N, C-alpha and C. Protein backbone atom coordinates (compact mmCIF):
# COMPACT_ATOMS: atom_id res chain seq x y z
N UNK A 1 0.85 -1.20 0.00
CA UNK A 1 0.00 0.00 0.00
C UNK A 1 0.87 1.23 0.00
N UNK A 2 0.69 2.10 -0.94
CA UNK A 2 1.50 3.31 -0.99
C UNK A 2 0.97 4.33 -0.01
N UNK A 3 1.87 5.24 0.44
CA UNK A 3 1.50 6.26 1.40
C UNK A 3 0.50 7.23 0.81
N UNK A 4 -0.49 7.63 1.60
CA UNK A 4 -1.50 8.57 1.15
C UNK A 4 -1.96 9.39 2.33
N UNK A 5 -2.65 10.47 2.07
CA UNK A 5 -3.17 11.33 3.11
C UNK A 5 -4.53 10.82 3.56
N UNK A 6 -4.65 10.45 4.82
CA UNK A 6 -5.93 10.01 5.36
C UNK A 6 -6.80 11.23 5.69
N UNK A 7 -8.08 11.01 5.80
CA UNK A 7 -9.03 12.04 6.20
C UNK A 7 -8.88 13.29 5.35
N UNK A 8 -8.58 13.14 4.09
CA UNK A 8 -8.34 14.27 3.21
C UNK A 8 -8.55 13.82 1.79
N UNK A 9 -8.85 14.77 0.90
CA UNK A 9 -9.01 14.42 -0.50
C UNK A 9 -7.68 14.40 -1.24
N UNK A 10 -6.59 14.75 -0.55
CA UNK A 10 -5.30 14.78 -1.20
C UNK A 10 -4.68 13.39 -1.24
N UNK A 11 -3.96 13.11 -2.31
CA UNK A 11 -3.22 11.87 -2.43
C UNK A 11 -1.86 12.20 -3.00
N UNK A 12 -0.80 11.93 -2.27
CA UNK A 12 0.54 12.34 -2.69
C UNK A 12 0.86 11.79 -4.07
N UNK A 13 0.59 10.51 -4.29
CA UNK A 13 0.95 9.89 -5.56
C UNK A 13 0.11 10.43 -6.71
N UNK A 14 -1.21 10.55 -6.50
CA UNK A 14 -2.08 11.00 -7.58
C UNK A 14 -1.93 12.48 -7.88
N UNK A 15 -1.79 13.31 -6.84
CA UNK A 15 -1.80 14.74 -7.03
C UNK A 15 -0.47 15.30 -7.53
N UNK A 16 0.64 14.78 -7.02
CA UNK A 16 1.93 15.35 -7.42
C UNK A 16 2.94 14.30 -7.84
N UNK A 17 2.53 13.03 -7.84
CA UNK A 17 3.45 12.00 -8.28
C UNK A 17 4.41 11.52 -7.23
N UNK A 18 4.28 11.98 -5.98
CA UNK A 18 5.19 11.58 -4.93
C UNK A 18 6.54 12.26 -5.08
N UNK A 19 7.39 12.07 -4.09
CA UNK A 19 8.69 12.72 -4.13
C UNK A 19 9.55 12.24 -5.28
N UNK A 20 9.39 10.97 -5.68
CA UNK A 20 10.19 10.45 -6.78
C UNK A 20 9.98 11.25 -8.05
N UNK A 21 8.70 11.51 -8.40
CA UNK A 21 8.41 12.31 -9.58
C UNK A 21 8.78 13.77 -9.35
N UNK A 22 8.59 14.24 -8.12
CA UNK A 22 8.87 15.64 -7.83
C UNK A 22 10.34 15.96 -8.07
N UNK A 23 11.20 14.96 -7.98
CA UNK A 23 12.64 15.19 -8.20
C UNK A 23 12.93 15.62 -9.63
N UNK A 24 11.98 15.44 -10.52
CA UNK A 24 12.19 15.90 -11.89
C UNK A 24 12.32 17.42 -11.96
N UNK A 25 11.85 18.09 -10.90
CA UNK A 25 11.82 19.55 -10.89
C UNK A 25 12.86 20.13 -9.93
N UNK A 26 13.96 19.43 -9.75
CA UNK A 26 14.99 19.87 -8.81
C UNK A 26 15.54 21.23 -9.20
N UNK A 27 15.82 22.03 -8.16
CA UNK A 27 16.50 23.31 -8.38
C UNK A 27 17.97 23.00 -8.63
N UNK A 28 18.46 23.30 -9.81
CA UNK A 28 19.80 22.88 -10.21
C UNK A 28 20.90 23.56 -9.39
N UNK A 29 20.58 24.68 -8.75
CA UNK A 29 21.61 25.41 -8.02
C UNK A 29 21.66 25.05 -6.54
N UNK A 30 20.86 24.09 -6.10
CA UNK A 30 20.86 23.69 -4.69
C UNK A 30 21.46 22.30 -4.55
N UNK A 31 22.20 22.12 -3.46
CA UNK A 31 22.80 20.82 -3.17
C UNK A 31 22.18 20.27 -1.89
N UNK A 32 22.40 18.97 -1.64
CA UNK A 32 21.87 18.33 -0.44
C UNK A 32 20.38 18.61 -0.27
N UNK A 33 19.62 18.33 -1.30
CA UNK A 33 18.21 18.68 -1.32
C UNK A 33 17.40 17.92 -0.26
N UNK A 34 16.46 18.64 0.32
CA UNK A 34 15.53 18.07 1.29
C UNK A 34 14.11 18.43 0.86
N UNK A 35 13.24 17.43 0.80
CA UNK A 35 11.85 17.63 0.44
C UNK A 35 10.98 17.41 1.68
N UNK A 36 9.99 18.23 1.84
CA UNK A 36 9.09 18.08 2.98
C UNK A 36 7.65 18.25 2.52
N UNK A 37 6.82 17.30 2.89
CA UNK A 37 5.39 17.37 2.63
C UNK A 37 4.71 17.78 3.93
N UNK A 38 3.87 18.83 3.86
CA UNK A 38 3.33 19.45 5.07
C UNK A 38 1.81 19.50 5.02
N UNK A 39 1.16 19.19 6.13
CA UNK A 39 -0.27 19.36 6.28
C UNK A 39 -0.55 20.19 7.52
N UNK A 40 -1.37 21.21 7.38
CA UNK A 40 -1.88 21.98 8.51
C UNK A 40 -3.36 21.69 8.65
N UNK A 41 -3.81 21.53 9.89
CA UNK A 41 -5.25 21.38 10.13
C UNK A 41 -5.62 22.20 11.36
N UNK A 42 -6.91 22.58 11.44
CA UNK A 42 -7.37 23.38 12.56
C UNK A 42 -8.52 24.26 12.15
N UNK A 43 -8.62 25.43 12.78
CA UNK A 43 -9.71 26.36 12.52
C UNK A 43 -9.76 26.72 11.04
N UNK A 44 -10.93 26.59 10.44
CA UNK A 44 -11.06 26.80 9.00
C UNK A 44 -10.74 28.24 8.60
N UNK A 45 -11.09 29.21 9.44
CA UNK A 45 -10.80 30.60 9.11
C UNK A 45 -9.30 30.84 9.05
N UNK A 46 -8.56 30.23 9.97
CA UNK A 46 -7.11 30.41 9.96
C UNK A 46 -6.48 29.64 8.81
N UNK A 47 -7.04 28.48 8.47
CA UNK A 47 -6.56 27.76 7.29
C UNK A 47 -6.74 28.60 6.03
N UNK A 48 -7.92 29.21 5.90
CA UNK A 48 -8.19 30.04 4.73
C UNK A 48 -7.27 31.25 4.68
N UNK A 49 -6.98 31.84 5.84
CA UNK A 49 -6.10 33.00 5.89
C UNK A 49 -4.69 32.62 5.42
N UNK A 50 -4.16 31.52 5.93
CA UNK A 50 -2.83 31.07 5.53
C UNK A 50 -2.81 30.72 4.04
N UNK A 51 -3.83 29.98 3.60
CA UNK A 51 -3.92 29.62 2.19
C UNK A 51 -3.97 30.86 1.31
N UNK A 52 -4.77 31.84 1.72
CA UNK A 52 -4.89 33.06 0.95
C UNK A 52 -3.57 33.81 0.84
N UNK A 53 -2.83 33.88 1.93
CA UNK A 53 -1.52 34.55 1.89
C UNK A 53 -0.59 33.86 0.90
N UNK A 54 -0.51 32.53 0.98
CA UNK A 54 0.41 31.78 0.11
C UNK A 54 -0.03 31.86 -1.35
N UNK A 55 -1.33 31.77 -1.58
CA UNK A 55 -1.84 31.80 -2.95
C UNK A 55 -1.59 33.17 -3.59
N UNK A 56 -1.85 34.22 -2.82
CA UNK A 56 -1.62 35.57 -3.36
C UNK A 56 -0.14 35.81 -3.63
N UNK A 57 0.71 35.30 -2.78
CA UNK A 57 2.15 35.46 -2.99
C UNK A 57 2.59 34.80 -4.30
N UNK A 58 2.10 33.59 -4.56
CA UNK A 58 2.54 32.88 -5.75
C UNK A 58 1.86 33.36 -7.03
N UNK A 59 0.82 34.19 -6.88
CA UNK A 59 0.14 34.73 -8.05
C UNK A 59 0.51 36.18 -8.35
N UNK A 60 1.43 36.74 -7.56
CA UNK A 60 1.88 38.11 -7.81
C UNK A 60 2.61 38.20 -9.16
N UNK A 61 2.64 39.39 -9.73
CA UNK A 61 3.41 39.59 -10.96
C UNK A 61 4.91 39.53 -10.67
N UNK A 62 5.30 40.04 -9.51
CA UNK A 62 6.70 40.02 -9.08
C UNK A 62 6.76 39.47 -7.66
N UNK A 63 7.86 38.83 -7.28
CA UNK A 63 7.96 38.30 -5.91
C UNK A 63 7.93 39.43 -4.88
N UNK A 64 7.41 39.13 -3.71
CA UNK A 64 7.36 40.12 -2.64
C UNK A 64 8.75 40.61 -2.30
N UNK A 65 9.71 39.68 -2.28
CA UNK A 65 11.12 40.02 -2.04
C UNK A 65 11.94 39.53 -3.22
N UNK A 66 12.73 40.37 -3.79
CA UNK A 66 13.55 39.96 -4.93
C UNK A 66 14.51 38.85 -4.51
N UNK A 67 14.59 37.81 -5.33
CA UNK A 67 15.47 36.68 -5.03
C UNK A 67 15.84 35.98 -6.33
N UNK A 68 16.77 35.04 -6.25
CA UNK A 68 17.31 34.39 -7.44
C UNK A 68 16.75 32.98 -7.66
N UNK A 69 15.72 32.60 -6.91
CA UNK A 69 15.16 31.26 -7.09
C UNK A 69 14.35 31.18 -8.38
N UNK A 70 14.34 29.97 -8.96
CA UNK A 70 13.61 29.77 -10.21
C UNK A 70 12.13 30.09 -10.02
N UNK A 71 11.54 29.55 -8.93
CA UNK A 71 10.17 29.89 -8.58
C UNK A 71 10.23 31.02 -7.56
N UNK A 72 10.61 32.20 -8.02
CA UNK A 72 10.93 33.30 -7.10
C UNK A 72 9.75 33.76 -6.27
N UNK A 73 8.53 33.67 -6.82
CA UNK A 73 7.36 34.10 -6.06
C UNK A 73 7.01 33.11 -4.95
N UNK A 74 7.53 31.88 -5.05
CA UNK A 74 7.27 30.85 -4.06
C UNK A 74 8.47 30.61 -3.15
N UNK A 75 9.38 31.56 -3.14
CA UNK A 75 10.50 31.48 -2.18
C UNK A 75 9.94 31.58 -0.77
N UNK A 76 10.44 30.74 0.12
CA UNK A 76 9.93 30.70 1.49
C UNK A 76 10.12 32.03 2.22
N UNK A 77 11.14 32.78 1.82
CA UNK A 77 11.36 34.08 2.45
C UNK A 77 10.21 35.04 2.23
N UNK A 78 9.52 34.91 1.10
CA UNK A 78 8.34 35.75 0.86
C UNK A 78 7.26 35.49 1.91
N UNK A 79 7.06 34.22 2.23
CA UNK A 79 6.05 33.86 3.23
C UNK A 79 6.48 34.32 4.61
N UNK A 80 7.76 34.18 4.92
CA UNK A 80 8.27 34.63 6.21
C UNK A 80 7.99 36.13 6.39
N UNK A 81 8.29 36.91 5.34
CA UNK A 81 8.05 38.35 5.41
C UNK A 81 6.57 38.65 5.54
N UNK A 82 5.72 37.95 4.78
CA UNK A 82 4.29 38.19 4.85
C UNK A 82 3.73 37.87 6.23
N UNK A 83 4.37 36.93 6.92
CA UNK A 83 3.93 36.57 8.28
C UNK A 83 4.49 37.52 9.33
N UNK A 84 5.27 38.50 8.90
CA UNK A 84 5.75 39.53 9.82
C UNK A 84 7.07 39.23 10.48
N UNK A 85 7.82 38.27 9.95
CA UNK A 85 9.12 37.92 10.53
C UNK A 85 10.25 38.31 9.58
N UNK A 86 11.47 38.20 10.06
CA UNK A 86 12.67 38.55 9.30
C UNK A 86 13.20 37.31 8.59
N UNK A 87 13.22 37.34 7.26
CA UNK A 87 13.67 36.16 6.52
C UNK A 87 15.16 35.89 6.68
N UNK A 88 15.90 36.84 7.26
CA UNK A 88 17.31 36.59 7.57
C UNK A 88 17.47 35.82 8.88
N UNK A 89 16.41 35.74 9.65
CA UNK A 89 16.46 35.05 10.94
C UNK A 89 15.74 33.71 10.93
N UNK A 90 15.02 33.41 9.86
CA UNK A 90 14.28 32.15 9.73
C UNK A 90 14.83 31.41 8.53
N UNK A 91 15.23 30.15 8.72
CA UNK A 91 15.80 29.39 7.62
C UNK A 91 14.75 29.23 6.51
N UNK A 92 15.07 29.75 5.34
CA UNK A 92 14.10 29.71 4.23
C UNK A 92 14.82 29.57 2.89
N UNK A 93 15.84 28.73 2.87
CA UNK A 93 16.62 28.53 1.65
C UNK A 93 15.94 27.49 0.76
N UNK A 94 14.83 27.93 0.14
CA UNK A 94 14.10 27.01 -0.72
C UNK A 94 12.75 27.60 -1.10
N UNK A 95 11.90 26.75 -1.67
CA UNK A 95 10.60 27.20 -2.18
C UNK A 95 9.50 26.23 -1.76
N UNK A 96 8.25 26.67 -1.94
CA UNK A 96 7.12 25.77 -1.75
C UNK A 96 6.44 25.52 -3.09
N UNK A 97 5.62 24.46 -3.13
CA UNK A 97 4.89 24.12 -4.34
C UNK A 97 3.69 23.27 -3.96
N UNK A 98 2.84 22.97 -4.95
CA UNK A 98 1.71 22.06 -4.80
C UNK A 98 0.76 22.49 -3.68
N UNK A 99 0.51 23.78 -3.59
CA UNK A 99 -0.39 24.31 -2.55
C UNK A 99 -1.82 23.86 -2.82
N UNK A 100 -2.46 23.25 -1.81
CA UNK A 100 -3.83 22.78 -1.94
C UNK A 100 -4.54 22.96 -0.60
N UNK A 101 -5.86 23.09 -0.65
CA UNK A 101 -6.64 23.18 0.58
C UNK A 101 -8.02 22.59 0.36
N UNK A 102 -8.52 21.88 1.38
CA UNK A 102 -9.92 21.49 1.39
C UNK A 102 -10.53 21.99 2.69
N UNK A 103 -11.71 21.51 3.07
CA UNK A 103 -12.38 22.05 4.24
C UNK A 103 -11.69 21.70 5.54
N UNK A 104 -10.74 20.77 5.52
CA UNK A 104 -10.11 20.31 6.76
C UNK A 104 -8.59 20.53 6.79
N UNK A 105 -7.97 20.65 5.63
CA UNK A 105 -6.52 20.56 5.58
C UNK A 105 -5.92 21.50 4.55
N UNK A 106 -4.79 22.09 4.89
CA UNK A 106 -3.97 22.82 3.94
C UNK A 106 -2.70 22.01 3.71
N UNK A 107 -2.29 21.87 2.47
CA UNK A 107 -1.19 20.99 2.11
C UNK A 107 -0.24 21.68 1.14
N UNK A 108 1.06 21.52 1.36
CA UNK A 108 2.05 21.99 0.40
C UNK A 108 3.34 21.22 0.58
N UNK A 109 4.23 21.38 -0.38
CA UNK A 109 5.54 20.75 -0.34
C UNK A 109 6.61 21.83 -0.31
N UNK A 110 7.70 21.58 0.41
CA UNK A 110 8.85 22.47 0.35
C UNK A 110 10.05 21.72 -0.21
N UNK A 111 10.89 22.45 -0.91
CA UNK A 111 12.16 21.93 -1.44
C UNK A 111 13.24 22.89 -0.97
N UNK A 112 14.12 22.41 -0.11
CA UNK A 112 15.14 23.26 0.49
C UNK A 112 16.51 22.62 0.40
N UNK A 113 17.53 23.41 0.71
CA UNK A 113 18.90 22.92 0.72
C UNK A 113 19.30 22.56 2.15
N UNK A 114 19.89 21.38 2.30
CA UNK A 114 20.55 20.95 3.54
C UNK A 114 19.61 20.52 4.66
N UNK A 115 18.52 21.24 4.92
CA UNK A 115 17.67 20.90 6.05
C UNK A 115 16.24 21.35 5.78
N UNK A 116 15.28 20.75 6.51
CA UNK A 116 13.88 21.17 6.35
C UNK A 116 13.68 22.53 7.02
N UNK A 117 12.70 23.30 6.57
CA UNK A 117 12.41 24.61 7.17
C UNK A 117 11.52 24.49 8.40
N UNK A 118 12.00 23.78 9.42
CA UNK A 118 11.18 23.55 10.61
C UNK A 118 10.79 24.86 11.31
N UNK A 119 11.71 25.82 11.31
CA UNK A 119 11.41 27.07 12.01
C UNK A 119 10.26 27.81 11.33
N UNK A 120 10.13 27.65 10.03
CA UNK A 120 9.00 28.25 9.33
C UNK A 120 7.69 27.64 9.80
N UNK A 121 7.66 26.31 9.99
CA UNK A 121 6.46 25.67 10.50
C UNK A 121 6.09 26.21 11.87
N UNK A 122 7.11 26.41 12.72
CA UNK A 122 6.87 26.96 14.05
C UNK A 122 6.35 28.40 13.96
N UNK A 123 6.89 29.15 13.00
CA UNK A 123 6.43 30.52 12.81
C UNK A 123 4.96 30.54 12.41
N UNK A 124 4.58 29.70 11.45
CA UNK A 124 3.18 29.63 11.03
C UNK A 124 2.28 29.28 12.21
N UNK A 125 2.72 28.29 13.01
CA UNK A 125 1.92 27.88 14.16
C UNK A 125 1.79 28.99 15.20
N UNK A 126 2.81 29.85 15.31
CA UNK A 126 2.72 30.95 16.26
C UNK A 126 1.79 32.05 15.77
N UNK A 127 1.75 32.27 14.45
CA UNK A 127 0.84 33.26 13.87
C UNK A 127 -0.59 32.74 13.86
N UNK A 128 -0.75 31.43 13.66
CA UNK A 128 -2.07 30.79 13.62
C UNK A 128 -2.12 29.72 14.71
N UNK A 129 -2.36 30.12 15.95
CA UNK A 129 -2.25 29.18 17.08
C UNK A 129 -3.25 28.03 17.08
N UNK A 130 -4.32 28.14 16.30
CA UNK A 130 -5.29 27.03 16.27
C UNK A 130 -4.84 25.90 15.35
N UNK A 131 -3.81 26.16 14.54
CA UNK A 131 -3.39 25.19 13.54
C UNK A 131 -2.31 24.26 14.07
N UNK A 132 -2.42 23.00 13.72
CA UNK A 132 -1.39 22.00 14.01
C UNK A 132 -0.76 21.55 12.71
N UNK A 133 0.54 21.27 12.72
CA UNK A 133 1.20 20.85 11.49
C UNK A 133 1.73 19.43 11.61
N UNK A 134 1.70 18.76 10.47
CA UNK A 134 2.22 17.40 10.34
C UNK A 134 3.11 17.39 9.10
N UNK A 135 4.24 16.71 9.19
CA UNK A 135 5.16 16.72 8.05
C UNK A 135 5.80 15.36 7.85
N UNK A 136 6.30 15.18 6.67
CA UNK A 136 7.21 14.07 6.35
C UNK A 136 8.35 14.68 5.56
N UNK A 137 9.59 14.47 6.02
CA UNK A 137 10.76 15.08 5.39
C UNK A 137 11.71 14.00 4.91
N UNK A 138 12.29 14.26 3.75
CA UNK A 138 13.22 13.30 3.14
C UNK A 138 14.38 14.05 2.51
N UNK A 139 15.58 13.74 2.97
CA UNK A 139 16.78 14.28 2.34
C UNK A 139 17.30 13.30 1.31
N UNK A 140 17.77 13.82 0.19
CA UNK A 140 18.26 12.94 -0.88
C UNK A 140 19.35 12.01 -0.36
N UNK A 141 20.20 12.51 0.54
CA UNK A 141 21.30 11.71 1.07
C UNK A 141 21.02 11.12 2.44
N UNK A 142 19.81 11.28 2.95
CA UNK A 142 19.48 10.72 4.26
C UNK A 142 19.27 9.22 4.16
N UNK A 143 19.52 8.53 5.28
CA UNK A 143 19.28 7.09 5.30
C UNK A 143 17.92 6.75 5.93
N UNK A 144 17.11 7.78 6.23
CA UNK A 144 15.78 7.55 6.76
C UNK A 144 14.90 8.74 6.39
N UNK A 145 13.62 8.64 6.70
CA UNK A 145 12.68 9.75 6.56
C UNK A 145 12.25 10.17 7.95
N UNK A 146 11.81 11.42 8.11
CA UNK A 146 11.37 11.91 9.40
C UNK A 146 9.91 12.36 9.31
N UNK A 147 9.17 12.11 10.37
CA UNK A 147 7.80 12.61 10.47
C UNK A 147 7.48 12.89 11.93
N UNK A 148 6.56 13.82 12.16
CA UNK A 148 6.03 14.04 13.51
C UNK A 148 4.62 13.49 13.65
N UNK A 149 4.17 12.78 12.63
CA UNK A 149 2.80 12.24 12.59
C UNK A 149 2.76 10.92 13.35
N UNK A 150 2.74 11.03 14.68
CA UNK A 150 2.82 9.85 15.54
C UNK A 150 1.68 8.88 15.29
N UNK A 151 0.48 9.41 15.09
CA UNK A 151 -0.70 8.56 14.94
C UNK A 151 -0.95 8.16 13.49
N UNK A 152 -0.13 8.61 12.56
CA UNK A 152 -0.32 8.26 11.16
C UNK A 152 -1.57 8.85 10.56
N UNK A 153 -1.93 10.07 10.99
CA UNK A 153 -3.15 10.71 10.49
C UNK A 153 -3.04 11.02 9.01
N UNK A 154 -1.89 11.57 8.62
CA UNK A 154 -1.67 11.94 7.23
C UNK A 154 -0.57 11.12 6.56
N UNK A 155 0.42 10.70 7.35
CA UNK A 155 1.57 9.97 6.79
C UNK A 155 1.72 8.65 7.54
N UNK A 156 0.94 7.65 7.13
CA UNK A 156 0.88 6.40 7.89
C UNK A 156 1.98 5.39 7.56
N UNK A 157 2.74 5.63 6.52
CA UNK A 157 3.68 4.61 6.06
C UNK A 157 4.94 4.57 6.91
N UNK A 158 5.61 3.42 6.91
CA UNK A 158 6.79 3.18 7.73
C UNK A 158 8.04 2.88 6.92
N UNK A 159 7.87 2.62 5.62
CA UNK A 159 9.01 2.24 4.79
C UNK A 159 8.92 2.93 3.42
N UNK A 160 10.09 3.24 2.89
CA UNK A 160 10.19 3.72 1.52
C UNK A 160 11.14 2.78 0.77
N UNK A 161 10.70 2.30 -0.38
CA UNK A 161 11.56 1.50 -1.26
C UNK A 161 11.87 2.33 -2.49
N UNK A 162 13.14 2.63 -2.67
CA UNK A 162 13.61 3.36 -3.85
C UNK A 162 14.41 2.36 -4.67
N UNK A 163 13.90 2.02 -5.84
CA UNK A 163 14.56 1.01 -6.66
C UNK A 163 14.27 1.27 -8.13
N UNK A 164 14.96 0.53 -8.99
CA UNK A 164 14.69 0.66 -10.43
C UNK A 164 13.31 0.11 -10.79
N UNK A 165 12.67 -0.61 -9.86
CA UNK A 165 11.33 -1.14 -10.09
C UNK A 165 10.25 -0.15 -9.70
N UNK A 166 10.64 0.92 -9.01
CA UNK A 166 9.65 1.91 -8.60
C UNK A 166 10.07 2.60 -7.32
N UNK A 167 9.31 3.63 -6.98
CA UNK A 167 9.56 4.46 -5.80
C UNK A 167 8.27 4.40 -5.00
N UNK A 168 8.25 3.55 -3.95
CA UNK A 168 6.98 3.23 -3.29
C UNK A 168 7.08 3.37 -1.77
N UNK A 169 5.95 3.80 -1.17
CA UNK A 169 5.82 3.87 0.27
C UNK A 169 4.96 2.71 0.76
N UNK A 170 5.31 2.14 1.93
CA UNK A 170 4.58 1.01 2.47
C UNK A 170 4.36 1.19 3.96
N UNK A 171 3.24 0.64 4.43
CA UNK A 171 2.93 0.67 5.85
C UNK A 171 3.55 -0.52 6.57
N UNK A 172 3.40 -1.71 5.99
CA UNK A 172 3.82 -2.94 6.65
C UNK A 172 5.06 -3.53 5.99
N UNK A 173 5.90 -4.17 6.79
CA UNK A 173 7.09 -4.86 6.28
C UNK A 173 6.69 -5.95 5.29
N UNK A 174 5.56 -6.61 5.55
CA UNK A 174 5.09 -7.67 4.66
C UNK A 174 4.88 -7.13 3.24
N UNK A 175 4.40 -5.89 3.13
CA UNK A 175 4.17 -5.28 1.83
C UNK A 175 5.48 -5.01 1.11
N UNK A 176 6.51 -4.62 1.88
CA UNK A 176 7.84 -4.40 1.29
C UNK A 176 8.37 -5.70 0.72
N UNK A 177 8.26 -6.75 1.51
CA UNK A 177 8.76 -8.05 1.07
C UNK A 177 8.03 -8.54 -0.18
N UNK A 178 6.72 -8.33 -0.21
CA UNK A 178 5.94 -8.75 -1.37
C UNK A 178 6.34 -7.97 -2.62
N UNK A 179 6.57 -6.66 -2.46
CA UNK A 179 6.97 -5.83 -3.58
C UNK A 179 8.31 -6.28 -4.17
N UNK A 180 9.23 -6.68 -3.29
CA UNK A 180 10.57 -7.07 -3.73
C UNK A 180 10.68 -8.55 -4.09
N UNK A 181 9.64 -9.32 -3.85
CA UNK A 181 9.71 -10.77 -4.04
C UNK A 181 10.06 -11.22 -5.46
N UNK A 182 9.70 -10.46 -6.52
CA UNK A 182 10.14 -10.91 -7.86
C UNK A 182 11.65 -10.91 -8.04
N UNK A 183 12.35 -10.20 -7.17
CA UNK A 183 13.79 -10.07 -7.34
C UNK A 183 14.61 -10.78 -6.28
N UNK A 184 14.16 -10.74 -5.03
CA UNK A 184 14.94 -11.34 -3.95
C UNK A 184 14.10 -12.36 -3.19
N UNK A 185 14.77 -13.33 -2.59
CA UNK A 185 14.12 -14.35 -1.78
C UNK A 185 14.37 -14.04 -0.32
N UNK A 186 13.30 -13.82 0.44
CA UNK A 186 13.42 -13.44 1.84
C UNK A 186 12.92 -14.60 2.70
N UNK A 187 13.81 -15.14 3.53
CA UNK A 187 13.46 -16.24 4.41
C UNK A 187 13.04 -15.66 5.76
N UNK A 188 11.72 -15.68 6.04
CA UNK A 188 11.23 -15.06 7.27
C UNK A 188 11.06 -13.56 7.08
N UNK A 189 9.96 -13.04 7.53
CA UNK A 189 9.66 -11.63 7.30
C UNK A 189 10.04 -10.78 8.51
N UNK A 190 11.34 -10.51 8.62
CA UNK A 190 11.86 -9.59 9.62
C UNK A 190 12.76 -8.60 8.90
N UNK A 191 13.04 -7.47 9.53
CA UNK A 191 13.91 -6.49 8.89
C UNK A 191 15.30 -7.05 8.67
N UNK A 192 15.81 -7.81 9.63
CA UNK A 192 17.14 -8.41 9.47
C UNK A 192 17.17 -9.34 8.26
N UNK A 193 16.13 -10.16 8.12
CA UNK A 193 16.06 -11.07 6.97
C UNK A 193 15.99 -10.29 5.66
N UNK A 194 15.24 -9.20 5.66
CA UNK A 194 15.12 -8.38 4.46
C UNK A 194 16.46 -7.79 4.06
N UNK A 195 17.17 -7.20 5.02
CA UNK A 195 18.44 -6.57 4.70
C UNK A 195 19.50 -7.61 4.29
N UNK A 196 19.45 -8.77 4.89
CA UNK A 196 20.39 -9.85 4.50
C UNK A 196 20.12 -10.28 3.07
N UNK A 197 18.84 -10.40 2.70
CA UNK A 197 18.49 -10.80 1.34
C UNK A 197 18.93 -9.74 0.33
N UNK A 198 18.79 -8.47 0.68
CA UNK A 198 19.22 -7.40 -0.22
C UNK A 198 20.74 -7.41 -0.37
N UNK A 199 21.46 -7.60 0.75
CA UNK A 199 22.93 -7.66 0.69
C UNK A 199 23.39 -8.81 -0.21
N UNK A 200 22.74 -9.96 -0.08
CA UNK A 200 23.10 -11.11 -0.91
C UNK A 200 22.82 -10.82 -2.38
N UNK A 201 21.69 -10.18 -2.65
CA UNK A 201 21.36 -9.84 -4.04
C UNK A 201 22.38 -8.85 -4.61
N UNK A 202 22.76 -7.86 -3.81
CA UNK A 202 23.72 -6.85 -4.29
C UNK A 202 25.07 -7.47 -4.62
N UNK A 203 25.49 -8.47 -3.85
CA UNK A 203 26.77 -9.13 -4.09
C UNK A 203 26.80 -9.84 -5.44
N UNK A 204 25.63 -10.28 -5.88
CA UNK A 204 25.56 -11.03 -7.14
C UNK A 204 24.99 -10.21 -8.30
N UNK A 205 24.68 -8.96 -8.03
CA UNK A 205 24.09 -8.12 -9.06
C UNK A 205 25.18 -7.45 -9.90
N UNK A 206 25.19 -7.72 -11.18
CA UNK A 206 26.19 -7.13 -12.08
C UNK A 206 25.61 -6.04 -12.97
N UNK A 207 24.33 -5.78 -12.81
CA UNK A 207 23.66 -4.76 -13.62
C UNK A 207 23.61 -3.46 -12.82
N UNK A 208 24.40 -2.46 -13.23
CA UNK A 208 24.48 -1.21 -12.49
C UNK A 208 23.19 -0.39 -12.57
N UNK A 209 22.30 -0.76 -13.47
CA UNK A 209 21.02 -0.06 -13.60
C UNK A 209 19.97 -0.57 -12.62
N UNK A 210 20.30 -1.66 -11.93
CA UNK A 210 19.37 -2.23 -10.96
C UNK A 210 19.87 -1.93 -9.55
N UNK A 211 18.96 -1.50 -8.69
CA UNK A 211 19.34 -1.15 -7.31
C UNK A 211 18.13 -1.24 -6.40
N UNK A 212 18.39 -1.39 -5.11
CA UNK A 212 17.34 -1.42 -4.09
C UNK A 212 17.84 -0.62 -2.88
N UNK A 213 17.07 0.39 -2.49
CA UNK A 213 17.38 1.17 -1.30
C UNK A 213 16.15 1.19 -0.40
N UNK A 214 16.32 0.81 0.86
CA UNK A 214 15.23 0.82 1.82
C UNK A 214 15.48 1.95 2.83
N UNK A 215 14.47 2.78 3.04
CA UNK A 215 14.55 3.82 4.06
C UNK A 215 13.39 3.66 5.03
N UNK A 216 13.69 3.68 6.32
CA UNK A 216 12.65 3.61 7.33
C UNK A 216 12.19 5.02 7.70
N UNK A 217 10.98 5.12 8.18
CA UNK A 217 10.42 6.39 8.63
C UNK A 217 10.60 6.47 10.15
N UNK A 218 11.29 7.49 10.63
CA UNK A 218 11.48 7.70 12.06
C UNK A 218 10.55 8.81 12.54
N UNK A 219 9.93 8.58 13.68
CA UNK A 219 8.99 9.53 14.25
C UNK A 219 9.69 10.38 15.31
N UNK A 220 9.58 11.70 15.18
CA UNK A 220 10.12 12.61 16.17
C UNK A 220 9.01 13.56 16.62
N UNK A 221 9.16 14.16 17.79
CA UNK A 221 8.14 15.11 18.25
C UNK A 221 8.61 16.53 17.97
N UNK A 222 7.71 17.47 18.11
CA UNK A 222 8.01 18.84 17.74
C UNK A 222 9.10 19.47 18.61
N UNK A 223 9.28 18.96 19.81
CA UNK A 223 10.35 19.49 20.67
C UNK A 223 11.73 19.13 20.14
N UNK A 224 11.81 18.14 19.29
CA UNK A 224 13.10 17.71 18.74
C UNK A 224 13.46 18.42 17.42
N UNK A 225 12.57 19.27 16.91
CA UNK A 225 12.82 19.93 15.64
C UNK A 225 13.87 21.01 15.81
N UNK A 226 14.84 21.02 14.91
CA UNK A 226 15.89 22.03 14.96
C UNK A 226 15.51 23.22 14.08
N UNK A 227 16.15 24.36 14.35
CA UNK A 227 15.87 25.57 13.58
C UNK A 227 16.77 25.69 12.36
């Protein structure tokens, strides 16, 4: 089962193609890219206010603050300034995209260099105190994914498989094993057995176009978020 947004009309795979497809739009001038999928929920009036600010910013003829980003009107610094803060004091080295809202949830993606814009999420929450945020963050060079969605309200999956066969999110280990079964033989469905089977396959794999990368999703709380 691929990862999807529960209790919402949004679907990561259907709406934006997931992070794998989103990588087609990488900012060529940024290194150590980090992608973050964000959901805000709470008071509908505050959701509409935040959505309106972001939508108006991205529909301006010129960016609120001059910058060199390709999607200059969607530079995170524009949102920081619109929220009344100093973009030199809030990490905003990147842009947002895929802005959507329904009656319960506001959703967007950020693409940043080196780290997720956690301080921006805290800033939004301070301006709109009724809103709660949930995120899933993935660095291109990270060996895991991060989320604060403890209950799996929006991001229920626990594993990411990045391979030449596809880029898929899964909730259960059994689903990972089933997805990889055409290629590897797993004796017993445990993580240790899975990694041993992948190591054995890699030792015998001579095709450089074939690969398997497994990333686990780690849950952290908001007190652990760095600025």
